[in-house]
Each structure stands twice: as C-alpha cells, then as structure tokens.
Amino acid sequence: MSEISPAALRGAVDLSSLRNRPAPSSAPVSAPDGEAALPLVFDVTDATFGQVLELSRRVPVVVDLWAEWCGPCKQLSPIIEKVVTELAGRVLLAKVDVDANPQLAQSFRAQSIPMVVGLVAGQPVPLFTGAVPEEQVRQVFGQLLELAAQHGVSGTVPVAAGEQDASAEPDEAPMPPLHAAAFAAIEAGDYAAAITAYEQALAENPRDEDARAGLGQVRLLHRTQGLDLGAVRAAAADAPQDVDAQFAVADMDIAGGHVGDAFGRLLDLFAAASADDRTRIRERLVELFGLIGEADPRVGQARQRLTSLLF
C-alpha cells in the first residue's frame, strides 16, 4: 500500500447520517475523558457508531468490517487485534458485522470484505481491503498514527484491565499447510491458486468447514475482481434475463453485505428461467447458501422459496 496522505481525509465516504444518534446506555464507547478505561477492541452497530466518530477526535479508530461467513476476515481479524493491543491505547478497534449492520456497510461502500478503514477526527481514511500480512498491518497503522498526529489527534486512552497482557498470550496453533498456502495466495492476489489450495484441503477432509468457507469467499473474490459496480448494475438492468449479468450483480451484493438482495435477485431469475438456466441458477444459489452459512435466517428463507419454486 502506498503511504497515506492527509488528502485521504477528504471526500472518501459520507458518514454524516451516522452522527448524533442516541446510543443505547450499554454502548461500550461512551466513557468520558480520563474517567474510565475503554476496551481496545469492541463491537459497534449502526446505532452506536456516532459515538465512535466522536471518539476518533481523541484517538484514531480502526474500523474492521467483517462477517461470520468470511474466511479471510477470520484470518485477518486476529492480526489486527494483536497490533492494536500492542499499541496500548494509541489506536482503538471498532468491529462491524456487515450482515447485522447494513447501513454501516453501505456508508463505507463495502463492496468486499474484510475492509479496514481508519477514522481521524470523524473523517474516514481508507486503509486496505482483503487479507494482508501482519507487517503490512503494522506499516499502515503506523502511517495512520502519523496522519492523526498531523491533524491533532494523538491521544491515548486508558487500557481496560486484562488487556495490557493480551499480547503475551500463547500464539494460536499454526494454520494447516493448505490453508496457509491459500492465505499466501490471497495475499499475493492469486485467487486461482487459493481456490486450488482450498479445493485440495476439502478433497483431503470434506468436513473442513474453514476450508469450505474460505473456498466460497475466495471464489467470490475471484469472480468480482476488477468489476465496476455501476457497470455491472447497468448491464444487468439492460438484460434482465441474462443469467451471467444477474450473477455478477448478485456477487457484488453478497460482497457488499446485501445478502437478501442477492438471494431475491437470483430467486426471481430462477422463477422466470428456462430449465437449463434453472440448473445453473440453483447451483449458484446453493454455493452462496454455503458461503453465508446455514445458520443465517436469510439462507433458510431463500431455501424455502427455492423449494417452493422447484415443486
């Protein structure tokens, strides 16, 4: 990633609609200056994000947009948390589940995840998208601290009890070799190689759910790589029965966290499709169901509608 410049604070995304919202009394980020320690890592919602914007006037905040079904998110999040913990209150980490908080995903224009954004004095600073190595995370966070200092945001918050020694906890078990190979390929932008590694891991162990989730995510990344959302939507609008055009929009919706929209589009397409196209659409729906996860209620609802259309 190139060096972050002060210009990054201007015109990135519009978060004005999220300011000045009344937040629940249980919000974890409301402690006044000097009165109480704050957690270094906390979850944030559409309703509580206004507090995070205000907090970023005292200390830079890193926003991690993730989802439970996202394999690379699960690989990246521990790295981000580790680096934030080591910075000991100079940076805070706000975690956003894009499935549960669609307005935040839309406000940040999250076309794919993991997506990591900085906040300095209430203004967003794009950092990186996708899984990146720990060294790059350290470098980018260092640049964020420099940029924040240039704008007068150089505070340090008290660290909540129990978090000071987090970096001394034993390291997690290393990733299986094929998972590590897939992760390295993702870092290099070689999604085809990552797909091959995950497919091999599943061939060796069909019950490897982490490999299955990673495979679904990297296939999605591969299909959406280089796509322009506006052009994709225009092509789909011009050809409403073109299966590939509708697939592309559904992929972009899934990557952006608009899961219900993607399922609805494909189910509507399935209802009007020929027998041959129905097979392709059903297979893509089943693949996306696996990507999102059977526990998600939107998958259950979509499966029910698909079954009714089949029979």
C-alpha atoms as a PDB file:
ATOM      1  CA  MET A   1       0.000   0.000   0.000  1.00  0.00           C
ATOM      2  CA  SER A   2       1.243   3.489  -0.755  1.00  0.00           C
ATOM      3  CA  GLU A   3       1.740   5.984   2.052  1.00  0.00           C
ATOM      4  CA  ILE A   4      -1.402   7.536   3.496  1.00  0.00           C
ATOM      5  CA  SER A   5      -1.566  11.257   2.738  1.00  0.00           C
ATOM      6  CA  PRO A   6      -3.549  13.989   4.540  1.00  0.00           C
ATOM      7  CA  ALA A   7      -5.737  14.229   1.426  1.00  0.00           C
ATOM      8  CA  ALA A   8      -7.124  10.814   2.350  1.00  0.00           C
ATOM      9  CA  LEU A   9      -9.333  12.588   4.888  1.00  0.00           C
ATOM     10  CA  ARG A  10     -11.255  14.466   2.227  1.00  0.00           C
ATOM     11  CA  GLY A  11     -14.250  13.064   0.390  1.00  0.00           C
ATOM     12  CA  ALA A  12     -13.742   9.333   0.964  1.00  0.00           C
ATOM     13  CA  VAL A  13     -17.200   8.359   2.209  1.00  0.00           C
ATOM     14  CA  ASP A  14     -20.064  10.267   3.788  1.00  0.00           C
ATOM     15  CA  LEU A  15     -20.717   9.249   7.386  1.00  0.00           C
ATOM     16  CA  SER A  16     -22.827  12.270   8.284  1.00  0.00           C
ATOM     17  CA  SER A  17     -26.029  10.241   8.605  1.00  0.00           C
ATOM     18  CA  LEU A  18     -24.463   8.234  11.432  1.00  0.00           C
ATOM     19  CA  ARG A  19     -23.627  11.219  13.636  1.00  0.00           C
ATOM     20  CA  ASN A  20     -25.560  12.409  16.671  1.00  0.00           C
ATOM     21  CA  ARG A  21     -27.638   9.271  17.040  1.00  0.00           C
ATOM     22  CA  PRO A  22     -28.907   8.460  20.516  1.00  0.00           C
ATOM     23  CA  ALA A  23     -26.998   5.353  21.552  1.00  0.00           C
ATOM     24  CA  PRO A  24     -28.122   2.599  23.925  1.00  0.00           C
ATOM     25  CA  SER A  25     -26.981   3.043  27.511  1.00  0.00           C
ATOM     26  CA  SER A  26     -24.954  -0.170  27.183  1.00  0.00           C
ATOM     27  CA  ALA A  27     -22.794   1.213  24.376  1.00  0.00           C
ATOM     28  CA  PRO A  28     -19.149   0.293  25.134  1.00  0.00           C
ATOM     29  CA  VAL A  29     -17.541   3.510  23.887  1.00  0.00           C
ATOM     30  CA  SER A  30     -19.142   6.253  25.961  1.00  0.00           C
ATOM     31  CA  ALA A  31     -16.634   6.715  28.794  1.00  0.00           C
ATOM     32  CA  PRO A  32     -15.654  10.402  29.187  1.00  0.00           C
ATOM     33  CA  ASP A  33     -12.039  11.544  29.030  1.00  0.00           C
ATOM     34  CA  GLY A  34      -9.984  10.427  31.986  1.00  0.00           C
ATOM     35  CA  GLU A  35     -12.824   8.685  33.842  1.00  0.00           C
ATOM     36  CA  ALA A  36     -12.749   5.077  32.768  1.00  0.00           C
ATOM     37  CA  ALA A  37     -10.706   2.633  30.764  1.00  0.00           C
ATOM     38  CA  LEU A  38     -12.036   1.637  27.375  1.00  0.00           C
ATOM     39  CA  PRO A  39     -11.747  -1.740  25.695  1.00  0.00           C
ATOM     40  CA  LEU A  40      -9.185  -1.647  22.932  1.00  0.00           C
ATOM     41  CA  VAL A  41     -11.392  -3.839  20.757  1.00  0.00           C
ATOM     42  CA  PHE A  42     -15.177  -3.541  20.751  1.00  0.00           C
ATOM     43  CA  ASP A  43     -18.193  -4.284  18.568  1.00  0.00           C
ATOM     44  CA  VAL A  44     -20.108  -1.367  17.106  1.00  0.00           C
ATOM     45  CA  THR A  45     -23.533  -1.132  15.482  1.00  0.00           C
ATOM     46  CA  ASP A  46     -25.482   1.224  13.248  1.00  0.00           C
ATOM     47  CA  ALA A  47     -26.958   2.717  16.428  1.00  0.00           C
ATOM     48  CA  THR A  48     -23.690   3.235  18.353  1.00  0.00           C
ATOM     49  CA  PHE A  49     -21.393   4.323  15.543  1.00  0.00           C
ATOM     50  CA  GLY A  50     -21.948   8.042  16.228  1.00  0.00           C
ATOM     51  CA  GLN A  51     -20.017   7.620  19.479  1.00  0.00           C
ATOM     52  CA  VAL A  52     -17.106   6.077  17.576  1.00  0.00           C
ATOM     53  CA  LEU A  53     -16.933   9.124  15.315  1.00  0.00           C
ATOM     54  CA  GLU A  54     -16.706  11.376  18.373  1.00  0.00           C
ATOM     55  CA  LEU A  55     -14.141   9.094  19.999  1.00  0.00           C
ATOM     56  CA  SER A  56     -11.948   9.431  16.888  1.00  0.00           C
ATOM     57  CA  ARG A  57     -11.446  13.107  17.755  1.00  0.00           C
ATOM     58  CA  ARG A  58      -9.355  11.951  20.736  1.00  0.00           C
ATOM     59  CA  VAL A  59      -7.646   8.850  19.369  1.00  0.00           C
ATOM     60  CA  PRO A  60      -7.549   7.260  15.894  1.00  0.00           C
ATOM     61  CA  VAL A  61     -10.007   4.409  15.467  1.00  0.00           C
ATOM     62  CA  VAL A  62      -9.628   1.464  13.101  1.00  0.00           C
ATOM     63  CA  VAL A  63     -12.897   0.042  11.740  1.00  0.00           C
ATOM     64  CA  ASP A  64     -12.878  -3.644  10.742  1.00  0.00           C
ATOM     65  CA  LEU A  65     -15.837  -4.555   8.506  1.00  0.00           C
ATOM     66  CA  TRP A  66     -16.297  -8.331   8.617  1.00  0.00           C
ATOM     67  CA  ALA A  67     -18.865 -11.144   8.513  1.00  0.00           C
ATOM     68  CA  GLU A  68     -19.125 -14.552  10.146  1.00  0.00           C
ATOM     69  CA  TRP A  69     -19.069 -16.351   6.777  1.00  0.00           C
ATOM     70  CA  CYS A  70     -15.940 -14.551   5.558  1.00  0.00           C
ATOM     71  CA  GLY A  71     -12.859 -16.818   5.680  1.00  0.00           C
ATOM     72  CA  PRO A  72     -10.243 -14.087   5.069  1.00  0.00           C
ATOM     73  CA  CYS A  73     -11.938 -11.994   7.787  1.00  0.00           C
ATOM     74  CA  LYS A  74     -11.223 -14.758  10.298  1.00  0.00           C
ATOM     75  CA  GLN A  75      -7.584 -14.789   9.195  1.00  0.00           C
ATOM     76  CA  LEU A  76      -7.143 -11.011   9.292  1.00  0.00           C
ATOM     77  CA  SER A  77      -9.045 -10.047  12.460  1.00  0.00           C
ATOM     78  CA  PRO A  78      -6.628 -11.699  14.948  1.00  0.00           C
ATOM     79  CA  ILE A  79      -3.727  -9.881  13.273  1.00  0.00           C
ATOM     80  CA  ILE A  80      -5.455  -6.505  13.555  1.00  0.00           C
ATOM     81  CA  GLU A  81      -6.418  -7.153  17.175  1.00  0.00           C
ATOM     82  CA  LYS A  82      -2.858  -8.150  18.039  1.00  0.00           C
ATOM     83  CA  VAL A  83      -1.352  -4.978  16.549  1.00  0.00           C
ATOM     84  CA  VAL A  84      -3.990  -2.739  18.168  1.00  0.00           C
ATOM     85  CA  THR A  85      -3.325  -4.367  21.556  1.00  0.00           C
ATOM     86  CA  GLU A  86       0.410  -3.781  21.207  1.00  0.00           C
ATOM     87  CA  LEU A  87      -0.233  -0.077  20.533  1.00  0.00           C
ATOM     88  CA  ALA A  88      -1.638   0.114  24.087  1.00  0.00           C
ATOM     89  CA  GLY A  89      -4.386   2.691  23.701  1.00  0.00           C
ATOM     90  CA  ARG A  90      -2.919   4.812  20.900  1.00  0.00           C
ATOM     91  CA  VAL A  91      -5.405   3.187  18.478  1.00  0.00           C
ATOM     92  CA  LEU A  92      -8.802   1.591  19.109  1.00  0.00           C
ATOM     93  CA  LEU A  93     -10.504  -1.101  17.030  1.00  0.00           C
ATOM     94  CA  ALA A  94     -14.234  -0.977  16.233  1.00  0.00           C
ATOM     95  CA  LYS A  95     -15.572  -4.194  14.694  1.00  0.00           C
ATOM     96  CA  VAL A  96     -18.617  -4.022  12.380  1.00  0.00           C
ATOM     97  CA  ASP A  97     -20.565  -7.146  11.404  1.00  0.00           C
ATOM     98  CA  VAL A  98     -21.785  -6.042   7.961  1.00  0.00           C
ATOM     99  CA  ASP A  99     -24.655  -8.549   7.946  1.00  0.00           C
ATOM    100  CA  ALA A 100     -26.080  -7.150  11.189  1.00  0.00           C
ATOM    101  CA  ASN A 101     -25.320  -3.504  10.322  1.00  0.00           C
ATOM    102  CA  PRO A 102     -26.229  -2.891   6.677  1.00  0.00           C
ATOM    103  CA  GLN A 103     -26.278   0.908   6.992  1.00  0.00           C
ATOM    104  CA  LEU A 104     -22.640   0.966   8.063  1.00  0.00           C
ATOM    105  CA  ALA A 105     -21.690  -1.381   5.227  1.00  0.00           C
ATOM    106  CA  GLN A 106     -23.481   0.898   2.787  1.00  0.00           C
ATOM    107  CA  SER A 107     -21.988   4.086   4.273  1.00  0.00           C
ATOM    108  CA  PHE A 108     -18.470   2.694   3.907  1.00  0.00           C
ATOM    109  CA  ARG A 109     -19.270   1.428   0.382  1.00  0.00           C
ATOM    110  CA  ALA A 110     -18.071  -2.021   1.400  1.00  0.00           C
ATOM    111  CA  GLN A 111     -18.078  -3.883  -1.912  1.00  0.00           C
ATOM    112  CA  SER A 112     -15.928  -6.682  -0.480  1.00  0.00           C
ATOM    113  CA  ILE A 113     -14.711  -7.740   2.948  1.00  0.00           C
ATOM    114  CA  PRO A 114     -12.622  -7.745   5.009  1.00  0.00           C
ATOM    115  CA  MET A 115     -12.440  -3.974   4.625  1.00  0.00           C
ATOM    116  CA  VAL A 116     -10.424  -1.868   7.073  1.00  0.00           C
ATOM    117  CA  VAL A 117     -10.887   1.892   7.410  1.00  0.00           C
ATOM    118  CA  GLY A 118      -9.362   4.424   9.791  1.00  0.00           C
ATOM    119  CA  LEU A 119     -11.215   7.284  11.470  1.00  0.00           C
ATOM    120  CA  VAL A 120      -9.401  10.510  12.342  1.00  0.00           C
ATOM    121  CA  ALA A 121     -11.380  13.418  13.803  1.00  0.00           C
ATOM    122  CA  GLY A 122     -14.581  11.888  12.469  1.00  0.00           C
ATOM    123  CA  GLN A 123     -13.238  11.525   8.927  1.00  0.00           C
ATOM    124  CA  PRO A 124     -12.692   8.152   7.193  1.00  0.00           C
ATOM    125  CA  VAL A 125      -9.285   7.095   5.887  1.00  0.00           C
ATOM    126  CA  PRO A 126      -9.218   4.053   3.548  1.00  0.00           C
ATOM    127  CA  LEU A 127      -6.574   1.578   4.763  1.00  0.00           C
ATOM    128  CA  PHE A 128      -6.884  -1.766   2.941  1.00  0.00           C
ATOM    129  CA  THR A 129      -9.318  -4.364   1.648  1.00  0.00           C
ATOM    130  CA  GLY A 130      -8.744  -8.105   1.847  1.00  0.00           C
ATOM    131  CA  ALA A 131      -6.416 -10.169   3.994  1.00  0.00           C
ATOM    132  CA  VAL A 132      -2.941  -8.637   4.339  1.00  0.00           C
ATOM    133  CA  PRO A 133       0.171  -9.805   6.236  1.00  0.00           C
ATOM    134  CA  GLU A 134       0.972  -8.616   9.750  1.00  0.00           C
ATOM    135  CA  GLU A 135       3.918  -6.495   8.623  1.00  0.00           C
ATOM    136  CA  GLN A 136       1.695  -4.512   6.254  1.00  0.00           C
ATOM    137  CA  VAL A 137      -0.873  -4.011   9.023  1.00  0.00           C
ATOM    138  CA  ARG A 138       1.880  -2.577  11.258  1.00  0.00           C
ATOM    139  CA  GLN A 139       3.095  -0.293   8.488  1.00  0.00           C
ATOM    140  CA  VAL A 140      -0.370   1.034   7.654  1.00  0.00           C
ATOM    141  CA  PHE A 141      -1.295   1.602  11.303  1.00  0.00           C
ATOM    142  CA  GLY A 142       1.974   3.491  11.774  1.00  0.00           C
ATOM    143  CA  GLN A 143       1.029   5.733   8.845  1.00  0.00           C
ATOM    144  CA  LEU A 144      -2.418   6.225  10.370  1.00  0.00           C
ATOM    145  CA  LEU A 145      -0.848   7.390  13.638  1.00  0.00           C
ATOM    146  CA  GLU A 146       1.354   9.863  11.735  1.00  0.00           C
ATOM    147  CA  LEU A 147      -1.633  11.224   9.828  1.00  0.00           C
ATOM    148  CA  ALA A 148      -3.658  11.518  13.029  1.00  0.00           C
ATOM    149  CA  ALA A 149      -0.841  13.454  14.721  1.00  0.00           C
ATOM    150  CA  GLN A 150      -0.751  15.881  11.779  1.00  0.00           C
ATOM    151  CA  HIS A 151      -4.427  16.612  12.462  1.00  0.00           C
ATOM    152  CA  GLY A 152      -4.016  16.968  16.217  1.00  0.00           C
ATOM    153  CA  VAL A 153      -5.404  13.545  17.122  1.00  0.00           C
ATOM    154  CA  SER A 154      -2.710  11.995  19.284  1.00  0.00           C
ATOM    155  CA  GLY A 155      -4.447  10.969  22.488  1.00  0.00           C
ATOM    156  CA  THR A 156      -4.056   7.699  24.361  1.00  0.00           C
ATOM    157  CA  VAL A 157      -6.961   6.088  26.171  1.00  0.00           C
ATOM    158  CA  PRO A 158      -6.576   4.137  29.409  1.00  0.00           C
ATOM    159  CA  VAL A 159      -6.422   0.423  28.709  1.00  0.00           C
ATOM    160  CA  ALA A 160      -9.119  -1.743  30.260  1.00  0.00           C
ATOM    161  CA  ALA A 161      -7.989  -4.229  32.882  1.00  0.00           C
ATOM    162  CA  GLY A 162      -6.866  -7.533  31.427  1.00  0.00           C
ATOM    163  CA  GLU A 163      -5.929  -6.151  28.016  1.00  0.00           C
ATOM    164  CA  GLN A 164      -2.395  -4.994  28.835  1.00  0.00           C
ATOM    165  CA  ASP A 165      -1.055  -8.539  28.820  1.00  0.00           C
ATOM    166  CA  ALA A 166      -3.074  -9.775  25.847  1.00  0.00           C
ATOM    167  CA  SER A 167      -0.027  -9.765  23.592  1.00  0.00           C
ATOM    168  CA  ALA A 168       1.698 -12.191  25.959  1.00  0.00           C
ATOM    169  CA  GLU A 169      -0.914 -14.895  25.478  1.00  0.00           C
ATOM    170  CA  PRO A 170       0.272 -18.067  23.737  1.00  0.00           C
ATOM    171  CA  ASP A 171       0.166 -17.934  19.968  1.00  0.00           C
ATOM    172  CA  GLU A 172      -2.673 -19.726  18.223  1.00  0.00           C
ATOM    173  CA  ALA A 173      -1.940 -23.056  16.586  1.00  0.00           C
ATOM    174  CA  PRO A 174      -0.442 -22.613  13.114  1.00  0.00           C
ATOM    175  CA  MET A 175      -2.747 -22.908  10.101  1.00  0.00           C
ATOM    176  CA  PRO A 176      -2.769 -26.238   8.267  1.00  0.00           C
ATOM    177  CA  PRO A 177      -0.328 -26.169   5.313  1.00  0.00           C
ATOM    178  CA  LEU A 178      -3.005 -25.946   2.609  1.00  0.00           C
ATOM    179  CA  HIS A 179      -4.803 -23.169   4.493  1.00  0.00           C
ATOM    180  CA  ALA A 180      -1.503 -21.317   4.807  1.00  0.00           C
ATOM    181  CA  ALA A 181      -0.890 -21.776   1.072  1.00  0.00           C
ATOM    182  CA  ALA A 182      -4.358 -20.395   0.309  1.00  0.00           C
ATOM    183  CA  PHE A 183      -3.798 -17.414   2.598  1.00  0.00           C
ATOM    184  CA  ALA A 184      -0.436 -16.668   0.980  1.00  0.00           C
ATOM    185  CA  ALA A 185      -2.057 -16.839  -2.454  1.00  0.00           C
ATOM    186  CA  ILE A 186      -4.802 -14.438  -1.329  1.00  0.00           C
ATOM    187  CA  GLU A 187      -2.153 -12.010  -0.066  1.00  0.00           C
ATOM    188  CA  ALA A 188      -0.499 -12.179  -3.485  1.00  0.00           C
ATOM    189  CA  GLY A 189      -3.821 -11.626  -5.270  1.00  0.00           C
ATOM    190  CA  ASP A 190      -3.616 -15.078  -6.869  1.00  0.00           C
ATOM    191  CA  TYR A 191      -7.172 -16.183  -6.204  1.00  0.00           C
ATOM    192  CA  ALA A 192      -6.958 -19.108  -8.629  1.00  0.00           C
ATOM    193  CA  ALA A 193      -4.118 -20.623  -6.601  1.00  0.00           C
ATOM    194  CA  ALA A 194      -6.035 -20.029  -3.368  1.00  0.00           C
ATOM    195  CA  ILE A 195      -9.055 -21.823  -4.840  1.00  0.00           C
ATOM    196  CA  THR A 196      -6.856 -24.790  -5.775  1.00  0.00           C
ATOM    197  CA  ALA A 197      -5.399 -24.976  -2.245  1.00  0.00           C
ATOM    198  CA  TYR A 198      -8.809 -24.872  -0.562  1.00  0.00           C
ATOM    199  CA  GLU A 199     -10.214 -27.439  -3.000  1.00  0.00           C
ATOM    200  CA  GLN A 200      -7.323 -29.761  -2.171  1.00  0.00           C
ATOM    201  CA  ALA A 201      -7.924 -29.249   1.555  1.00  0.00           C
ATOM    202  CA  LEU A 202     -11.567 -30.230   1.090  1.00  0.00           C
ATOM    203  CA  ALA A 203     -10.621 -33.246  -1.012  1.00  0.00           C
ATOM    204  CA  GLU A 204      -8.436 -34.433   1.870  1.00  0.00           C
ATOM    205  CA  ASN A 205     -11.010 -33.572   4.544  1.00  0.00           C
ATOM    206  CA  PRO A 206     -14.593 -32.961   3.328  1.00  0.00           C
ATOM    207  CA  ARG A 207     -15.542 -31.847   6.861  1.00  0.00           C
ATOM    208  CA  ASP A 208     -13.053 -28.965   6.882  1.00  0.00           C
ATOM    209  CA  GLU A 209     -15.572 -26.144   7.359  1.00  0.00           C
ATOM    210  CA  ASP A 210     -12.880 -23.451   7.491  1.00  0.00           C
ATOM    211  CA  ALA A 211     -11.650 -24.563   4.068  1.00  0.00           C
ATOM    212  CA  ARG A 212     -15.212 -24.637   2.760  1.00  0.00           C
ATOM    213  CA  ALA A 213     -15.866 -21.107   3.995  1.00  0.00           C
ATOM    214  CA  GLY A 214     -12.541 -19.884   2.648  1.00  0.00           C
ATOM    215  CA  LEU A 215     -13.213 -21.502  -0.726  1.00  0.00           C
ATOM    216  CA  GLY A 216     -16.586 -19.821  -1.046  1.00  0.00           C
ATOM    217  CA  GLN A 217     -15.135 -16.430  -0.151  1.00  0.00           C
ATOM    218  CA  VAL A 218     -12.148 -16.648  -2.475  1.00  0.00           C
ATOM    219  CA  ARG A 219     -14.347 -17.813  -5.356  1.00  0.00           C
ATOM    220  CA  LEU A 220     -16.441 -14.725  -4.762  1.00  0.00           C
ATOM    221  CA  LEU A 221     -13.334 -12.529  -4.690  1.00  0.00           C
ATOM    222  CA  HIS A 222     -12.132 -14.139  -7.918  1.00  0.00           C
ATOM    223  CA  ARG A 223     -15.431 -13.503  -9.681  1.00  0.00           C
ATOM    224  CA  THR A 224     -15.709  -9.889  -8.514  1.00  0.00           C
ATOM    225  CA  GLN A 225     -12.061  -8.940  -9.014  1.00  0.00           C
ATOM    226  CA  GLY A 226     -11.846  -5.821 -11.159  1.00  0.00           C
ATOM    227  CA  LEU A 227     -15.605  -5.421 -11.585  1.00  0.00           C
ATOM    228  CA  ASP A 228     -17.150  -1.953 -11.529  1.00  0.00           C
ATOM    229  CA  LEU A 229     -20.397  -1.928  -9.547  1.00  0.00           C
ATOM    230  CA  GLY A 230     -22.040   0.743 -11.687  1.00  0.00           C
ATOM    231  CA  ALA A 231     -21.210  -1.025 -14.929  1.00  0.00           C
ATOM    232  CA  VAL A 232     -22.362  -4.374 -13.548  1.00  0.00           C
ATOM    233  CA  ARG A 233     -25.707  -2.973 -12.444  1.00  0.00           C
ATOM    234  CA  ALA A 234     -26.219  -1.197 -15.771  1.00  0.00           C
ATOM    235  CA  ALA A 235     -25.530  -4.397 -17.718  1.00  0.00           C
ATOM    236  CA  ALA A 236     -27.991  -6.330 -15.548  1.00  0.00           C
ATOM    237  CA  ALA A 237     -30.676  -3.663 -15.985  1.00  0.00           C
ATOM    238  CA  ASP A 238     -30.229  -3.786 -19.772  1.00  0.00           C
ATOM    239  CA  ALA A 239     -30.518  -7.596 -19.861  1.00  0.00           C
ATOM    240  CA  PRO A 240     -32.815  -8.751 -17.036  1.00  0.00           C
ATOM    241  CA  GLN A 241     -32.866 -12.363 -18.280  1.00  0.00           C
ATOM    242  CA  ASP A 242     -29.105 -12.619 -18.873  1.00  0.00           C
ATOM    243  CA  VAL A 243     -28.025 -15.134 -16.246  1.00  0.00           C
ATOM    244  CA  ASP A 244     -24.352 -14.122 -16.196  1.00  0.00           C
ATOM    245  CA  ALA A 245     -25.241 -10.439 -15.838  1.00  0.00           C
ATOM    246  CA  GLN A 246     -27.544 -11.189 -12.909  1.00  0.00           C
ATOM    247  CA  PHE A 247     -24.910 -13.475 -11.357  1.00  0.00           C
ATOM    248  CA  ALA A 248     -22.442 -10.582 -11.415  1.00  0.00           C
ATOM    249  CA  VAL A 249     -24.821  -8.236  -9.569  1.00  0.00           C
ATOM    250  CA  ALA A 250     -25.646 -10.932  -7.020  1.00  0.00           C
ATOM    251  CA  ASP A 251     -21.934 -11.492  -6.398  1.00  0.00           C
ATOM    252  CA  MET A 252     -21.378  -7.773  -5.853  1.00  0.00           C
ATOM    253  CA  ASP A 253     -24.358  -7.648  -3.480  1.00  0.00           C
ATOM    254  CA  ILE A 254     -23.016 -10.580  -1.473  1.00  0.00           C
ATOM    255  CA  ALA A 255     -19.555  -8.988  -1.304  1.00  0.00           C
ATOM    256  CA  GLY A 256     -21.133  -5.750  -0.106  1.00  0.00           C
ATOM    257  CA  GLY A 257     -23.208  -7.463   2.588  1.00  0.00           C
ATOM    258  CA  HIS A 258     -26.561  -7.171   0.768  1.00  0.00           C
ATOM    259  CA  VAL A 259     -27.313 -10.866   1.136  1.00  0.00           C
ATOM    260  CA  GLY A 260     -31.103 -10.652   0.941  1.00  0.00           C
ATOM    261  CA  ASP A 261     -30.929  -8.582  -2.246  1.00  0.00           C
ATOM    262  CA  ALA A 262     -28.643 -11.160  -3.877  1.00  0.00           C
ATOM    263  CA  PHE A 263     -30.873 -14.101  -2.948  1.00  0.00           C
ATOM    264  CA  GLY A 264     -34.009 -12.265  -4.054  1.00  0.00           C
ATOM    265  CA  ARG A 265     -32.483 -11.392  -7.439  1.00  0.00           C
ATOM    266  CA  LEU A 266     -31.447 -14.977  -8.149  1.00  0.00           C
ATOM    267  CA  LEU A 267     -34.737 -16.454  -6.968  1.00  0.00           C
ATOM    268  CA  ASP A 268     -36.690 -14.062  -9.191  1.00  0.00           C
ATOM    269  CA  LEU A 269     -34.390 -15.029 -12.059  1.00  0.00           C
ATOM    270  CA  PHE A 270     -34.921 -18.722 -11.310  1.00  0.00           C
ATOM    271  CA  ALA A 271     -38.706 -18.330 -11.364  1.00  0.00           C
ATOM    272  CA  ALA A 272     -38.644 -16.990 -14.941  1.00  0.00           C
ATOM    273  CA  ALA A 273     -35.764 -19.070 -16.317  1.00  0.00           C
ATOM    274  CA  SER A 274     -35.660 -21.980 -18.753  1.00  0.00           C
ATOM    275  CA  ALA A 275     -34.924 -25.500 -17.497  1.00  0.00           C
ATOM    276  CA  ASP A 276     -31.238 -25.326 -18.480  1.00  0.00           C
ATOM    277  CA  ASP A 277     -30.728 -21.929 -16.861  1.00  0.00           C
ATOM    278  CA  ARG A 278     -32.571 -23.072 -13.755  1.00  0.00           C
ATOM    279  CA  THR A 279     -29.884 -25.682 -13.138  1.00  0.00           C
ATOM    280  CA  ARG A 280     -27.135 -23.047 -13.251  1.00  0.00           C
ATOM    281  CA  ILE A 281     -29.071 -20.663 -11.022  1.00  0.00           C
ATOM    282  CA  ARG A 282     -29.867 -23.349  -8.466  1.00  0.00           C
ATOM    283  CA  GLU A 283     -26.202 -24.380  -8.320  1.00  0.00           C
ATOM    284  CA  ARG A 284     -25.124 -20.769  -7.771  1.00  0.00           C
ATOM    285  CA  LEU A 285     -27.730 -20.321  -5.039  1.00  0.00           C
ATOM    286  CA  VAL A 286     -26.568 -23.475  -3.279  1.00  0.00           C
ATOM    287  CA  GLU A 287     -22.974 -22.229  -3.455  1.00  0.00           C
ATOM    288  CA  LEU A 288     -23.963 -18.886  -1.950  1.00  0.00           C
ATOM    289  CA  PHE A 289     -26.017 -20.609   0.753  1.00  0.00           C
ATOM    290  CA  GLY A 290     -22.859 -22.447   1.780  1.00  0.00           C
ATOM    291  CA  LEU A 291     -20.879 -19.207   1.735  1.00  0.00           C
ATOM    292  CA  ILE A 292     -23.281 -17.384   4.037  1.00  0.00           C
ATOM    293  CA  GLY A 293     -23.928 -20.382   6.295  1.00  0.00           C
ATOM    294  CA  GLU A 294     -26.991 -22.430   7.132  1.00  0.00           C
ATOM    295  CA  ALA A 295     -27.400 -20.695  10.499  1.00  0.00           C
ATOM    296  CA  ASP A 296     -28.236 -17.401   8.787  1.00  0.00           C
ATOM    297  CA  PRO A 297     -32.043 -16.956   8.689  1.00  0.00           C
ATOM    298  CA  ARG A 298     -31.817 -15.426   5.210  1.00  0.00           C
ATOM    299  CA  VAL A 299     -30.479 -18.740   3.932  1.00  0.00           C
ATOM    300  CA  GLY A 300     -33.406 -20.608   5.448  1.00  0.00           C
ATOM    301  CA  GLN A 301     -35.904 -18.208   3.903  1.00  0.00           C
ATOM    302  CA  ALA A 302     -34.256 -18.407   0.494  1.00  0.00           C
ATOM    303  CA  ARG A 303     -34.080 -22.209   0.641  1.00  0.00           C
ATOM    304  CA  GLN A 304     -37.775 -22.352   1.447  1.00  0.00           C
ATOM    305  CA  ARG A 305     -38.647 -20.183  -1.536  1.00  0.00           C
ATOM    306  CA  LEU A 306     -36.337 -22.181  -3.809  1.00  0.00           C
ATOM    307  CA  THR A 307     -38.045 -25.400  -2.735  1.00  0.00           C
ATOM    308  CA  SER A 308     -41.469 -23.926  -3.473  1.00  0.00           C
ATOM    309  CA  LEU A 309     -40.279 -22.869  -6.934  1.00  0.00           C
ATOM    310  CA  LEU A 310     -38.869 -26.334  -7.617  1.00  0.00           C
ATOM    311  CA  PHE A 311     -42.012 -28.191  -6.635  1.00  0.00           C
END
